[in-house]
């Protein structure tokens, strides 16, 4: 016989906890007010810019067509510039230059 869920003998561990929709809203407001949310997303964007730059640099290194290779390199350069601007805005050191541009 199938037991009705409402009459289930299981204990509802969430009863009285976090069911109030304002519960999470209050914590979110405190987090936003602390500035942590803003810095988290700023760092996330900075990391994503660098990851995209590296991806385009790898594509450029593997490409045989000079025209497409130049486009990939230009895209990588644009992402590195975005990363540098974002880093400067938050007082962080600029990202390292691409491997082939590193002085010997």
C-alpha atoms as a PDB file:
ATOM      1  CA  UNK A   1       0.000   0.000   0.000  1.00  0.00           C
ATOM      2  CA  UNK A   2       1.313   3.424  -0.948  1.00  0.00           C
ATOM      3  CA  UNK A   3       1.412   5.876   1.875  1.00  0.00           C
ATOM      4  CA  UNK A   4       0.208   9.412   1.340  1.00  0.00           C
ATOM      5  CA  UNK A   5       3.130  11.846   1.521  1.00  0.00           C
ATOM      6  CA  UNK A   6       1.304  14.145   3.888  1.00  0.00           C
ATOM      7  CA  UNK A   7       0.898  11.328   6.411  1.00  0.00           C
ATOM      8  CA  UNK A   8       4.483  10.150   6.016  1.00  0.00           C
ATOM      9  CA  UNK A   9       6.191   9.462   9.339  1.00  0.00           C
ATOM     10  CA  UNK A  10       9.398  11.124   8.066  1.00  0.00           C
ATOM     11  CA  UNK A  11      10.510  14.220   9.870  1.00  0.00           C
ATOM     12  CA  UNK A  12      10.631  17.399   7.853  1.00  0.00           C
ATOM     13  CA  UNK A  13      14.109  18.695   8.710  1.00  0.00           C
ATOM     14  CA  UNK A  14      13.454  21.937   6.857  1.00  0.00           C
ATOM     15  CA  UNK A  15      10.381  22.760   8.916  1.00  0.00           C
ATOM     16  CA  UNK A  16      10.820  26.200  10.360  1.00  0.00           C
ATOM     17  CA  UNK A  17      14.125  26.724   8.548  1.00  0.00           C
ATOM     18  CA  UNK A  18      14.695  28.802   5.470  1.00  0.00           C
ATOM     19  CA  UNK A  19      11.093  28.532   4.407  1.00  0.00           C
ATOM     20  CA  UNK A  20      10.549  32.204   4.928  1.00  0.00           C
ATOM     21  CA  UNK A  21      11.324  33.857   1.567  1.00  0.00           C
ATOM     22  CA  UNK A  22      12.804  36.827   3.410  1.00  0.00           C
ATOM     23  CA  UNK A  23      15.372  34.595   5.131  1.00  0.00           C
ATOM     24  CA  UNK A  24      17.647  34.386   2.094  1.00  0.00           C
ATOM     25  CA  UNK A  25      16.823  37.935   1.078  1.00  0.00           C
ATOM     26  CA  UNK A  26      18.182  39.240   4.384  1.00  0.00           C
ATOM     27  CA  UNK A  27      21.428  37.309   3.968  1.00  0.00           C
ATOM     28  CA  UNK A  28      21.755  38.453   0.359  1.00  0.00           C
ATOM     29  CA  UNK A  29      21.301  42.075   1.401  1.00  0.00           C
ATOM     30  CA  UNK A  30      24.008  41.744   4.069  1.00  0.00           C
ATOM     31  CA  UNK A  31      26.343  40.132   1.526  1.00  0.00           C
ATOM     32  CA  UNK A  32      25.709  42.869  -1.030  1.00  0.00           C
ATOM     33  CA  UNK A  33      26.186  45.585   1.565  1.00  0.00           C
ATOM     34  CA  UNK A  34      29.540  44.097   2.577  1.00  0.00           C
ATOM     35  CA  UNK A  35      30.895  44.598  -0.956  1.00  0.00           C
ATOM     36  CA  UNK A  36      31.810  40.920  -1.266  1.00  0.00           C
ATOM     37  CA  UNK A  37      29.299  40.317  -4.050  1.00  0.00           C
ATOM     38  CA  UNK A  38      30.791  43.119  -6.134  1.00  0.00           C
ATOM     39  CA  UNK A  39      34.372  41.989  -5.634  1.00  0.00           C
ATOM     40  CA  UNK A  40      33.405  38.367  -6.351  1.00  0.00           C
ATOM     41  CA  UNK A  41      31.903  39.261  -9.719  1.00  0.00           C
ATOM     42  CA  UNK A  42      34.764  41.624 -10.499  1.00  0.00           C
ATOM     43  CA  UNK A  43      37.306  38.848  -9.915  1.00  0.00           C
ATOM     44  CA  UNK A  44      35.143  36.394 -11.852  1.00  0.00           C
ATOM     45  CA  UNK A  45      35.125  38.750 -14.848  1.00  0.00           C
ATOM     46  CA  UNK A  46      38.862  39.326 -14.596  1.00  0.00           C
ATOM     47  CA  UNK A  47      39.492  35.577 -14.546  1.00  0.00           C
ATOM     48  CA  UNK A  48      37.150  35.013 -17.488  1.00  0.00           C
ATOM     49  CA  UNK A  49      38.891  37.725 -19.530  1.00  0.00           C
ATOM     50  CA  UNK A  50      42.260  36.072 -18.963  1.00  0.00           C
ATOM     51  CA  UNK A  51      40.864  32.618 -19.772  1.00  0.00           C
ATOM     52  CA  UNK A  52      39.408  33.922 -23.046  1.00  0.00           C
ATOM     53  CA  UNK A  53      42.692  35.601 -23.920  1.00  0.00           C
ATOM     54  CA  UNK A  54      44.585  32.355 -23.341  1.00  0.00           C
ATOM     55  CA  UNK A  55      42.070  30.433 -25.420  1.00  0.00           C
ATOM     56  CA  UNK A  56      42.438  32.832 -28.358  1.00  0.00           C
ATOM     57  CA  UNK A  57      46.237  32.769 -28.003  1.00  0.00           C
ATOM     58  CA  UNK A  58      46.175  28.962 -28.247  1.00  0.00           C
ATOM     59  CA  UNK A  59      43.922  29.151 -31.300  1.00  0.00           C
ATOM     60  CA  UNK A  60      46.257  31.672 -32.922  1.00  0.00           C
ATOM     61  CA  UNK A  61      49.285  29.478 -32.218  1.00  0.00           C
ATOM     62  CA  UNK A  62      47.626  26.471 -33.866  1.00  0.00           C
ATOM     63  CA  UNK A  63      46.202  28.310 -36.882  1.00  0.00           C
ATOM     64  CA  UNK A  64      47.920  27.979 -40.263  1.00  0.00           C
ATOM     65  CA  UNK A  65      45.908  30.679 -42.079  1.00  0.00           C
ATOM     66  CA  UNK A  66      47.722  34.002 -41.435  1.00  0.00           C
ATOM     67  CA  UNK A  67      44.548  36.071 -41.738  1.00  0.00           C
ATOM     68  CA  UNK A  68      42.637  33.981 -39.200  1.00  0.00           C
ATOM     69  CA  UNK A  69      45.732  33.780 -36.985  1.00  0.00           C
ATOM     70  CA  UNK A  70      45.859  37.597 -36.886  1.00  0.00           C
ATOM     71  CA  UNK A  71      42.166  37.768 -35.977  1.00  0.00           C
ATOM     72  CA  UNK A  72      42.659  35.318 -33.102  1.00  0.00           C
ATOM     73  CA  UNK A  73      45.687  37.286 -31.885  1.00  0.00           C
ATOM     74  CA  UNK A  74      43.714  40.547 -32.053  1.00  0.00           C
ATOM     75  CA  UNK A  75      40.877  39.006 -30.046  1.00  0.00           C
ATOM     76  CA  UNK A  76      43.346  37.746 -27.431  1.00  0.00           C
ATOM     77  CA  UNK A  77      44.883  41.224 -27.225  1.00  0.00           C
ATOM     78  CA  UNK A  78      41.437  42.777 -26.683  1.00  0.00           C
ATOM     79  CA  UNK A  79      40.678  40.375 -23.825  1.00  0.00           C
ATOM     80  CA  UNK A  80      44.056  41.099 -22.216  1.00  0.00           C
ATOM     81  CA  UNK A  81      43.310  44.828 -22.433  1.00  0.00           C
ATOM     82  CA  UNK A  82      39.932  44.275 -20.761  1.00  0.00           C
ATOM     83  CA  UNK A  83      41.638  42.246 -18.026  1.00  0.00           C
ATOM     84  CA  UNK A  84      44.249  44.981 -17.506  1.00  0.00           C
ATOM     85  CA  UNK A  85      41.555  47.673 -17.257  1.00  0.00           C
ATOM     86  CA  UNK A  86      39.557  45.607 -14.763  1.00  0.00           C
ATOM     87  CA  UNK A  87      42.683  44.896 -12.686  1.00  0.00           C
ATOM     88  CA  UNK A  88      43.615  48.590 -12.622  1.00  0.00           C
ATOM     89  CA  UNK A  89      40.080  49.518 -11.586  1.00  0.00           C
ATOM     90  CA  UNK A  90      40.349  47.279  -8.519  1.00  0.00           C
ATOM     91  CA  UNK A  91      43.940  48.089  -7.625  1.00  0.00           C
ATOM     92  CA  UNK A  92      45.299  44.712  -8.693  1.00  0.00           C
ATOM     93  CA  UNK A  93      48.543  44.106 -10.568  1.00  0.00           C
ATOM     94  CA  UNK A  94      48.136  43.817 -14.336  1.00  0.00           C
ATOM     95  CA  UNK A  95      47.935  40.333 -15.826  1.00  0.00           C
ATOM     96  CA  UNK A  96      51.162  38.840 -17.097  1.00  0.00           C
ATOM     97  CA  UNK A  97      51.945  39.402 -20.782  1.00  0.00           C
ATOM     98  CA  UNK A  98      51.381  36.607 -23.297  1.00  0.00           C
ATOM     99  CA  UNK A  99      54.164  33.970 -23.312  1.00  0.00           C
ATOM    100  CA  UNK A 100      55.653  35.045 -26.660  1.00  0.00           C
ATOM    101  CA  UNK A 101      55.777  38.681 -25.501  1.00  0.00           C
ATOM    102  CA  UNK A 102      57.706  37.851 -22.328  1.00  0.00           C
ATOM    103  CA  UNK A 103      61.217  39.372 -22.466  1.00  0.00           C
ATOM    104  CA  UNK A 104      64.070  36.852 -22.428  1.00  0.00           C
END
